[in-house]
C-alpha atoms as a PDB file:
ATOM      1  CA  MET A   1     130.292  75.582 140.615  1.00  0.00           C
ATOM      2  CA  THR A   2     130.724  73.270 143.720  1.00  0.00           C
ATOM      3  CA  ILE A   3     128.057  72.807 146.255  1.00  0.00           C
ATOM      4  CA  GLY A   4     128.276  72.010 149.961  1.00  0.00           C
ATOM      5  CA  ASP A   5     131.581  70.635 151.514  1.00  0.00           C
ATOM      6  CA  LYS A   6     133.370  70.566 148.077  1.00  0.00           C
ATOM      7  CA  SER A   7     132.177  66.934 147.658  1.00  0.00           C
ATOM      8  CA  GLY A   8     129.795  67.893 145.009  1.00  0.00           C
ATOM      9  CA  THR A   9     130.083  67.214 141.375  1.00  0.00           C
ATOM     10  CA  ALA A  10     132.340  69.606 139.529  1.00  0.00           C
ATOM     11  CA  THR A  11     134.057  69.140 135.986  1.00  0.00           C
ATOM     12  CA  SER A  12     137.843  69.108 136.233  1.00  0.00           C
ATOM     13  CA  LEU A  13     139.019  71.969 134.107  1.00  0.00           C
ATOM     14  CA  HIS A  14     142.877  72.052 134.757  1.00  0.00           C
ATOM     15  CA  GLY A  15     143.748  72.083 130.989  1.00  0.00           C
ATOM     16  CA  ARG A  16     140.945  74.766 130.254  1.00  0.00           C
ATOM     17  CA  ASN A  17     142.243  76.864 133.163  1.00  0.00           C
ATOM     18  CA  SER A  18     145.962  76.729 131.930  1.00  0.00           C
ATOM     19  CA  LEU A  19     144.868  77.721 128.507  1.00  0.00           C
ATOM     20  CA  MET A  20     142.492  80.604 129.768  1.00  0.00           C
ATOM     21  CA  ALA A  21     145.326  81.948 131.925  1.00  0.00           C
ATOM     22  CA  PHE A  22     147.393  82.233 128.749  1.00  0.00           C
ATOM     23  CA  ILE A  23     144.528  83.876 127.034  1.00  0.00           C
ATOM     24  CA  ASP A  24     144.017  86.195 129.963  1.00  0.00           C
ATOM     25  CA  ARG A  25     147.652  87.152 129.646  1.00  0.00           C
ATOM     26  CA  ILE A  26     147.331  87.984 125.910  1.00  0.00           C
ATOM     27  CA  ALA A  27     144.164  89.855 126.461  1.00  0.00           C
ATOM     28  CA  ALA A  28     145.932  92.126 129.134  1.00  0.00           C
ATOM     29  CA  LEU A  29     148.911  92.679 126.813  1.00  0.00           C
ATOM     30  CA  SER A  30     146.919  93.243 123.667  1.00  0.00           C
ATOM     31  CA  GLY A  31     144.028  95.237 125.132  1.00  0.00           C
ATOM     32  CA  LEU A  32     141.419  92.947 123.019  1.00  0.00           C
ATOM     33  CA  PRO A  33     138.341  91.731 124.697  1.00  0.00           C
ATOM     34  CA  GLY A  34     138.960  88.349 126.495  1.00  0.00           C
ATOM     35  CA  ARG A  35     135.712  87.021 125.437  1.00  0.00           C
ATOM     36  CA  LEU A  36     136.700  87.114 121.687  1.00  0.00           C
ATOM     37  CA  LEU A  37     140.221  85.616 122.132  1.00  0.00           C
ATOM     38  CA  TYR A  38     138.510  82.978 124.444  1.00  0.00           C
ATOM     39  CA  GLY A  39     136.477  81.980 121.439  1.00  0.00           C
ATOM     40  CA  VAL A  40     139.662  81.053 119.699  1.00  0.00           C
ATOM     41  CA  GLY A  41     141.006  79.279 122.756  1.00  0.00           C
ATOM     42  CA  ALA A  42     137.941  77.328 123.396  1.00  0.00           C
ATOM     43  CA  ALA A  43     138.104  75.983 120.003  1.00  0.00           C
ATOM     44  CA  LEU A  44     141.595  74.940 120.289  1.00  0.00           C
ATOM     45  CA  LEU A  45     140.851  73.312 123.617  1.00  0.00           C
ATOM     46  CA  MET A  46     137.732  71.465 122.228  1.00  0.00           C
ATOM     47  CA  ALA A  47     139.562  70.151 119.205  1.00  0.00           C
ATOM     48  CA  GLY A  48     142.208  68.685 121.471  1.00  0.00           C
ATOM     49  CA  ALA A  49     139.508  67.250 123.760  1.00  0.00           C
ATOM     50  CA  ILE A  50     137.483  65.712 120.832  1.00  0.00           C
ATOM     51  CA  GLY A  51     140.777  64.360 119.377  1.00  0.00           C
ATOM     52  CA  ALA A  52     141.880  62.647 122.611  1.00  0.00           C
ATOM     53  CA  THR A  53     138.425  61.200 123.788  1.00  0.00           C
ATOM     54  CA  GLY A  54     136.082  61.312 120.888  1.00  0.00           C
ATOM     55  CA  HIS A  55     133.651  63.470 123.053  1.00  0.00           C
ATOM     56  CA  MET A  56     132.829  67.063 123.233  1.00  0.00           C
ATOM     57  CA  ALA A  57     134.297  68.710 126.578  1.00  0.00           C
ATOM     58  CA  SER A  58     132.019  70.989 128.371  1.00  0.00           C
ATOM     59  CA  GLY A  59     131.916  73.614 131.305  1.00  0.00           C
ATOM     60  CA  GLU A  60     130.967  72.978 134.701  1.00  0.00           C
ATOM     61  CA  GLU A  61     127.376  71.565 135.266  1.00  0.00           C
ATOM     62  CA  GLY A  62     124.807  73.592 137.478  1.00  0.00           C
ATOM     63  CA  ALA A  63     123.666  72.310 140.708  1.00  0.00           C
ATOM     64  CA  LEU A  64     120.006  72.552 142.237  1.00  0.00           C
ATOM     65  CA  VAL A  65     119.899  74.973 145.234  1.00  0.00           C
ATOM     66  CA  PRO A  66     117.023  74.863 147.730  1.00  0.00           C
ATOM     67  CA  PRO A  67     113.915  76.963 146.943  1.00  0.00           C
ATOM     68  CA  PRO A  68     113.781  80.456 148.693  1.00  0.00           C
ATOM     69  CA  ALA A  69     112.053  80.430 152.080  1.00  0.00           C
ATOM     70  CA  VAL A  70     111.007  84.079 151.362  1.00  0.00           C
ATOM     71  CA  ASP A  71     109.014  84.668 148.117  1.00  0.00           C
ATOM     72  CA  GLN A  72     105.951  86.014 146.614  1.00  0.00           C
ATOM     73  CA  PRO A  73     102.892  83.546 146.095  1.00  0.00           C
ATOM     74  CA  LEU A  74     102.035  82.957 142.492  1.00  0.00           C
ATOM     75  CA  ALA A  75      99.150  85.418 141.805  1.00  0.00           C
ATOM     76  CA  ALA A  76      97.446  86.948 138.641  1.00  0.00           C
ATOM     77  CA  GLY A  77      98.600  90.524 137.786  1.00  0.00           C
ATOM     78  CA  GLU A  78     100.614  92.745 135.541  1.00  0.00           C
ATOM     79  CA  LEU A  79     103.877  91.337 134.069  1.00  0.00           C
ATOM     80  CA  GLN A  80     106.935  91.821 136.520  1.00  0.00           C
ATOM     81  CA  THR A  81     110.550  92.462 135.770  1.00  0.00           C
ATOM     82  CA  ALA A  82     113.861  91.235 137.138  1.00  0.00           C
ATOM     83  CA  VAL A  83     117.204  92.624 136.243  1.00  0.00           C
ATOM     84  CA  LEU A  84     120.198  90.222 137.030  1.00  0.00           C
ATOM     85  CA  ALA A  85     123.903  90.303 136.261  1.00  0.00           C
ATOM     86  CA  GLY A  86     125.707  86.919 135.992  1.00  0.00           C
ATOM     87  CA  GLY A  87     128.719  87.467 133.814  1.00  0.00           C
ATOM     88  CA  CYS A  88     128.503  87.387 129.868  1.00  0.00           C
ATOM     89  CA  PHE A  89     124.774  88.169 129.201  1.00  0.00           C
ATOM     90  CA  TRP A  90     124.860  85.827 126.194  1.00  0.00           C
ATOM     91  CA  GLY A  91     124.492  82.802 128.279  1.00  0.00           C
ATOM     92  CA  VAL A  92     122.267  84.431 131.000  1.00  0.00           C
ATOM     93  CA  GLN A  93     119.865  85.713 128.462  1.00  0.00           C
ATOM     94  CA  GLY A  94     119.857  82.039 126.726  1.00  0.00           C
ATOM     95  CA  VAL A  95     118.997  80.457 129.965  1.00  0.00           C
ATOM     96  CA  PHE A  96     115.967  82.513 130.885  1.00  0.00           C
ATOM     97  CA  GLN A  97     114.718  82.521 127.184  1.00  0.00           C
ATOM     98  CA  HIS A  98     113.854  78.765 127.940  1.00  0.00           C
ATOM     99  CA  VAL A  99     111.891  79.337 131.341  1.00  0.00           C
ATOM    100  CA  LYS A 100     108.203  79.031 131.307  1.00  0.00           C
ATOM    101  CA  GLY A 101     106.386  82.234 132.449  1.00  0.00           C
ATOM    102  CA  VAL A 102     109.101  84.518 130.980  1.00  0.00           C
ATOM    103  CA  THR A 103     107.876  86.636 128.231  1.00  0.00           C
ATOM    104  CA  GLN A 104     110.995  88.524 127.128  1.00  0.00           C
ATOM    105  CA  VAL A 105     114.638  88.765 128.016  1.00  0.00           C
ATOM    106  CA  LEU A 106     116.825  91.697 126.967  1.00  0.00           C
ATOM    107  CA  ALA A 107     120.616  91.764 127.141  1.00  0.00           C
ATOM    108  CA  GLY A 108     121.822  95.015 128.369  1.00  0.00           C
ATOM    109  CA  TYR A 109     123.786  96.853 131.100  1.00  0.00           C
ATOM    110  CA  ALA A 110     122.862  98.197 134.659  1.00  0.00           C
ATOM    111  CA  GLY A 111     124.605  99.931 137.320  1.00  0.00           C
ATOM    112  CA  GLY A 112     126.010 102.878 135.630  1.00  0.00           C
ATOM    113  CA  GLU A 113     125.038 105.758 133.501  1.00  0.00           C
ATOM    114  CA  GLN A 114     123.077 105.933 130.209  1.00  0.00           C
ATOM    115  CA  ALA A 115     125.874 107.602 128.438  1.00  0.00           C
ATOM    116  CA  THR A 116     128.321 104.964 129.182  1.00  0.00           C
ATOM    117  CA  ALA A 117     126.007 101.933 128.242  1.00  0.00           C
ATOM    118  CA  VAL A 118     127.965 100.994 125.150  1.00  0.00           C
ATOM    119  CA  TYR A 119     129.625  97.573 124.840  1.00  0.00           C
ATOM    120  CA  GLU A 120     133.200  98.946 124.121  1.00  0.00           C
ATOM    121  CA  VAL A 121     132.980 101.301 126.933  1.00  0.00           C
ATOM    122  CA  VAL A 122     131.447  98.971 129.529  1.00  0.00           C
ATOM    123  CA  SER A 123     134.175  96.529 128.582  1.00  0.00           C
ATOM    124  CA  THR A 124     136.859  98.728 130.031  1.00  0.00           C
ATOM    125  CA  GLY A 125     135.455  97.962 133.648  1.00  0.00           C
ATOM    126  CA  GLU A 126     135.403 101.562 134.575  1.00  0.00           C
ATOM    127  CA  THR A 127     131.718 102.516 133.909  1.00  0.00           C
ATOM    128  CA  GLY A 128     130.048 100.806 136.939  1.00  0.00           C
ATOM    129  CA  HIS A 129     127.703  98.760 134.556  1.00  0.00           C
ATOM    130  CA  ALA A 130     127.546  95.102 134.592  1.00  0.00           C
ATOM    131  CA  GLU A 131     126.353  92.865 131.857  1.00  0.00           C
ATOM    132  CA  SER A 132     122.808  92.145 132.638  1.00  0.00           C
ATOM    133  CA  VAL A 133     119.445  90.744 131.432  1.00  0.00           C
ATOM    134  CA  GLN A 134     116.087  92.391 132.071  1.00  0.00           C
ATOM    135  CA  ILE A 135     113.503  89.473 132.493  1.00  0.00           C
ATOM    136  CA  LYS A 136     109.776  90.140 131.964  1.00  0.00           C
ATOM    137  CA  PHE A 137     107.797  87.271 133.540  1.00  0.00           C
ATOM    138  CA  ASP A 138     104.139  86.544 134.423  1.00  0.00           C
ATOM    139  CA  PRO A 139     103.703  86.191 138.279  1.00  0.00           C
ATOM    140  CA  ALA A 140     100.925  83.884 137.807  1.00  0.00           C
ATOM    141  CA  GLN A 141     103.328  81.299 136.235  1.00  0.00           C
ATOM    142  CA  ILE A 142     106.530  81.956 137.886  1.00  0.00           C
ATOM    143  CA  SER A 143     107.736  83.838 141.121  1.00  0.00           C
ATOM    144  CA  TYR A 144     110.490  86.241 141.690  1.00  0.00           C
ATOM    145  CA  GLY A 145     112.105  83.852 143.967  1.00  0.00           C
ATOM    146  CA  GLU A 146     111.909  80.943 141.446  1.00  0.00           C
ATOM    147  CA  ILE A 147     113.532  83.308 139.073  1.00  0.00           C
ATOM    148  CA  LEU A 148     116.546  83.700 141.532  1.00  0.00           C
ATOM    149  CA  ARG A 149     116.695  79.951 142.153  1.00  0.00           C
ATOM    150  CA  ILE A 150     117.271  79.303 138.467  1.00  0.00           C
ATOM    151  CA  PHE A 151     119.952  82.104 138.439  1.00  0.00           C
ATOM    152  CA  PHE A 152     121.836  80.639 141.512  1.00  0.00           C
ATOM    153  CA  SER A 153     121.557  77.026 140.132  1.00  0.00           C
ATOM    154  CA  VAL A 154     122.393  77.190 136.536  1.00  0.00           C
ATOM    155  CA  ALA A 155     122.686  80.642 135.190  1.00  0.00           C
ATOM    156  CA  HIS A 156     126.032  81.412 136.804  1.00  0.00           C
ATOM    157  CA  ASP A 157     128.410  80.642 139.607  1.00  0.00           C
ATOM    158  CA  PRO A 158     127.343  83.315 142.393  1.00  0.00           C
ATOM    159  CA  THR A 159     130.495  82.599 144.408  1.00  0.00           C
ATOM    160  CA  GLU A 160     132.728  84.140 141.834  1.00  0.00           C
ATOM    161  CA  LEU A 161     133.858  87.853 142.577  1.00  0.00           C
ATOM    162  CA  ASN A 162     133.928  90.315 139.616  1.00  0.00           C
ATOM    163  CA  ARG A 163     134.362  87.454 137.109  1.00  0.00           C
ATOM    164  CA  GLN A 164     132.760  84.453 135.586  1.00  0.00           C
ATOM    165  CA  GLY A 165     134.701  81.732 134.009  1.00  0.00           C
ATOM    166  CA  PRO A 166     137.119  83.307 131.474  1.00  0.00           C
ATOM    167  CA  ASP A 167     135.590  87.012 131.811  1.00  0.00           C
ATOM    168  CA  GLU A 168     137.129  89.020 134.387  1.00  0.00           C
ATOM    169  CA  GLY A 169     136.332  92.575 135.645  1.00  0.00           C
ATOM    170  CA  THR A 170     133.462  94.429 137.591  1.00  0.00           C
ATOM    171  CA  GLN A 171     131.346  94.453 134.381  1.00  0.00           C
ATOM    172  CA  TYR A 172     130.950  90.502 135.058  1.00  0.00           C
ATOM    173  CA  ARG A 173     129.919  90.717 138.599  1.00  0.00           C
ATOM    174  CA  SER A 174     127.119  88.839 139.998  1.00  0.00           C
ATOM    175  CA  ALA A 175     124.454  91.241 140.984  1.00  0.00           C
ATOM    176  CA  ILE A 176     120.684  91.552 141.652  1.00  0.00           C
ATOM    177  CA  PHE A 177     119.114  94.862 140.753  1.00  0.00           C
ATOM    178  CA  TYR A 178     115.972  95.232 142.770  1.00  0.00           C
ATOM    179  CA  ALA A 179     113.098  97.392 141.553  1.00  0.00           C
ATOM    180  CA  ASP A 180     111.172  97.684 144.843  1.00  0.00           C
ATOM    181  CA  ALA A 181     111.501  96.807 148.596  1.00  0.00           C
ATOM    182  CA  SER A 182     109.698  93.347 148.026  1.00  0.00           C
ATOM    183  CA  GLN A 183     112.568  92.248 145.393  1.00  0.00           C
ATOM    184  CA  GLN A 184     115.164  93.664 147.703  1.00  0.00           C
ATOM    185  CA  ARG A 185     113.778  91.629 150.605  1.00  0.00           C
ATOM    186  CA  ILE A 186     113.422  88.315 148.768  1.00  0.00           C
ATOM    187  CA  ALA A 187     116.955  88.559 147.261  1.00  0.00           C
ATOM    188  CA  GLN A 188     118.695  89.532 150.545  1.00  0.00           C
ATOM    189  CA  ALA A 189     116.925  86.852 152.413  1.00  0.00           C
ATOM    190  CA  TYR A 190     117.646  84.189 149.939  1.00  0.00           C
ATOM    191  CA  ILE A 191     121.393  84.919 149.901  1.00  0.00           C
ATOM    192  CA  ASP A 192     121.324  84.811 153.711  1.00  0.00           C
ATOM    193  CA  GLN A 193     119.536  81.585 153.625  1.00  0.00           C
ATOM    194  CA  LEU A 194     122.117  79.884 151.004  1.00  0.00           C
ATOM    195  CA  ASP A 195     125.086  81.287 153.035  1.00  0.00           C
ATOM    196  CA  HIS A 196     123.602  80.184 156.354  1.00  0.00           C
ATOM    197  CA  ALA A 197     122.984  76.760 155.127  1.00  0.00           C
ATOM    198  CA  GLY A 198     126.489  76.475 153.470  1.00  0.00           C
ATOM    199  CA  THR A 199     124.813  75.681 150.143  1.00  0.00           C
ATOM    200  CA  PHE A 200     128.019  76.674 148.172  1.00  0.00           C
ATOM    201  CA  SER A 201     131.691  76.040 149.131  1.00  0.00           C
ATOM    202  CA  ALA A 202     132.462  79.574 149.397  1.00  0.00           C
ATOM    203  CA  PRO A 203     130.063  82.775 150.283  1.00  0.00           C
ATOM    204  CA  VAL A 204     127.728  84.103 147.673  1.00  0.00           C
ATOM    205  CA  ALA A 205     129.316  87.072 146.160  1.00  0.00           C
ATOM    206  CA  THR A 206     126.231  88.401 144.518  1.00  0.00           C
ATOM    207  CA  ARG A 207     125.492  92.056 145.220  1.00  0.00           C
ATOM    208  CA  VAL A 208     121.912  93.378 145.893  1.00  0.00           C
ATOM    209  CA  ASP A 209     121.673  96.824 144.420  1.00  0.00           C
ATOM    210  CA  PRO A 210     119.000  99.350 143.652  1.00  0.00           C
ATOM    211  CA  LEU A 211     118.008  99.423 140.092  1.00  0.00           C
ATOM    212  CA  LYS A 212     118.755 102.927 138.672  1.00  0.00           C
ATOM    213  CA  GLY A 213     118.249 102.090 135.032  1.00  0.00           C
ATOM    214  CA  PHE A 214     118.564  99.210 132.601  1.00  0.00           C
ATOM    215  CA  TYR A 215     119.853 100.025 129.160  1.00  0.00           C
ATOM    216  CA  PRO A 216     119.427  97.348 126.205  1.00  0.00           C
ATOM    217  CA  ALA A 217     122.551  96.241 124.512  1.00  0.00           C
ATOM    218  CA  GLU A 218     123.422  96.444 120.896  1.00  0.00           C
ATOM    219  CA  ALA A 219     121.188  94.633 118.398  1.00  0.00           C
ATOM    220  CA  TYR A 220     123.923  92.150 117.613  1.00  0.00           C
ATOM    221  CA  HIS A 221     123.968  90.850 121.406  1.00  0.00           C
ATOM    222  CA  GLN A 222     120.526  90.119 121.441  1.00  0.00           C
ATOM    223  CA  ASP A 223     119.541  86.395 121.024  1.00  0.00           C
ATOM    224  CA  PHE A 224     123.125  85.757 120.385  1.00  0.00           C
ATOM    225  CA  LEU A 225     123.073  82.390 121.729  1.00  0.00           C
ATOM    226  CA  ILE A 226     120.150  81.442 119.779  1.00  0.00           C
ATOM    227  CA  HIS A 227     121.626  82.754 116.609  1.00  0.00           C
ATOM    228  CA  ASN A 228     125.095  81.394 117.275  1.00  0.00           C
ATOM    229  CA  PRO A 229     124.899  77.994 118.812  1.00  0.00           C
ATOM    230  CA  THR A 230     128.094  76.777 117.267  1.00  0.00           C
ATOM    231  CA  TYR A 231     130.292  79.808 118.466  1.00  0.00           C
ATOM    232  CA  PRO A 232     133.000  78.219 120.495  1.00  0.00           C
ATOM    233  CA  TYR A 233     132.451  80.298 123.581  1.00  0.00           C
ATOM    234  CA  ILE A 234     128.806  79.495 123.565  1.00  0.00           C
ATOM    235  CA  VAL A 235     129.431  75.726 123.052  1.00  0.00           C
ATOM    236  CA  PHE A 236     131.853  75.711 125.952  1.00  0.00           C
ATOM    237  CA  ASN A 237     130.233  77.969 128.460  1.00  0.00           C
ATOM    238  CA  ASP A 238     126.679  78.492 127.798  1.00  0.00           C
ATOM    239  CA  LEU A 239     125.085  75.396 126.168  1.00  0.00           C
ATOM    240  CA  PRO A 240     125.742  73.411 129.299  1.00  0.00           C
ATOM    241  CA  LYS A 241     123.781  75.878 131.156  1.00  0.00           C
ATOM    242  CA  ILE A 242     120.712  75.244 129.007  1.00  0.00           C
ATOM    243  CA  ALA A 243     121.326  71.541 129.470  1.00  0.00           C
ATOM    244  CA  SER A 244     121.353  71.921 133.135  1.00  0.00           C
ATOM    245  CA  LEU A 245     118.220  74.022 133.212  1.00  0.00           C
ATOM    246  CA  LYS A 246     116.478  71.215 131.338  1.00  0.00           C
ATOM    247  CA  GLN A 247     117.727  68.532 133.706  1.00  0.00           C
ATOM    248  CA  LEU A 248     117.396  70.427 136.991  1.00  0.00           C
ATOM    249  CA  PHE A 249     114.059  72.328 136.236  1.00  0.00           C
ATOM    250  CA  PRO A 250     112.056  70.067 133.940  1.00  0.00           C
ATOM    251  CA  ASP A 251     108.703  71.563 135.006  1.00  0.00           C
ATOM    252  CA  GLU A 252     109.936  75.124 134.276  1.00  0.00           C
ATOM    253  CA  TYR A 253     111.811  74.440 131.016  1.00  0.00           C
ATOM    254  CA  ARG A 254     110.512  75.415 127.600  1.00  0.00           C
ATOM    255  CA  GLU A 255     112.057  73.781 124.524  1.00  0.00           C
ATOM    256  CA  GLN A 256     111.123  76.755 122.283  1.00  0.00           C
ATOM    257  CA  PRO A 257     112.877  79.972 123.469  1.00  0.00           C
ATOM    258  CA  VAL A 258     111.172  83.315 123.636  1.00  0.00           C
ATOM    259  CA  THR A 259     113.296  85.651 121.409  1.00  0.00           C
ATOM    260  CA  VAL A 260     113.755  89.389 121.291  1.00  0.00           C
ATOM    261  CA  ALA A 261     113.156  89.359 117.525  1.00  0.00           C
ATOM    262  CA  ALA A 262     109.658  87.803 118.035  1.00  0.00           C
ATOM    263  CA  MET A 263     108.694  90.564 120.263  1.00  0.00           C
ATOM    264  CA  GLN A 264     109.580  93.283 117.695  1.00  0.00           C
END
């Protein structure tokens, strides 16, 4: 992700892009999920990076965006829910599990019908679903707008259209699924604010759509980052997001993540 006039900090990923383009080609020819093939490619790429430099390569870093001009004030009340899509739900779930005021984060699907909310079917890109997360949070501790600020700053790149990193397709689109008029107003105003200010080097591609339903993903997807911290895809794409959250949002960061398993 690059902020502003393209002079912001962004990691050079030419070697990664060449390898990932090759993996995209293999995925297209074989019909296998790119995310699974990417795990192998990332392992090869990291092995090469470690051998050449003695250090672990990482994905792009996040960048702190301005707070929303339109938001809800912190106030005691019932738990609220935000549903967001920002590419592979493993990393997005992992980010928000480390945010203070968040009580639960579920990986799942939104944008399509309940009957097609199955990973293998969603992965075809033909269901209308996006890999999403459902975030339950305490409005006395964190606002909806601050949830979106973290979403835009570290959870994903909001300028990418129908893809995130190595994952391509409408199921990996950037989207905010609003539950009511207030969430719609805050989300749309924030996107307009960021675009008007030229915060990113490209327009925000995040869609703002009504929430028609959220369907939890299969059990093996829940807490995936927590259970698989050495999985190459996680190491390369998602652990840098957690590091960016800790660096850019120290007051909101919690060291011990809230897990799905702990809530069951």
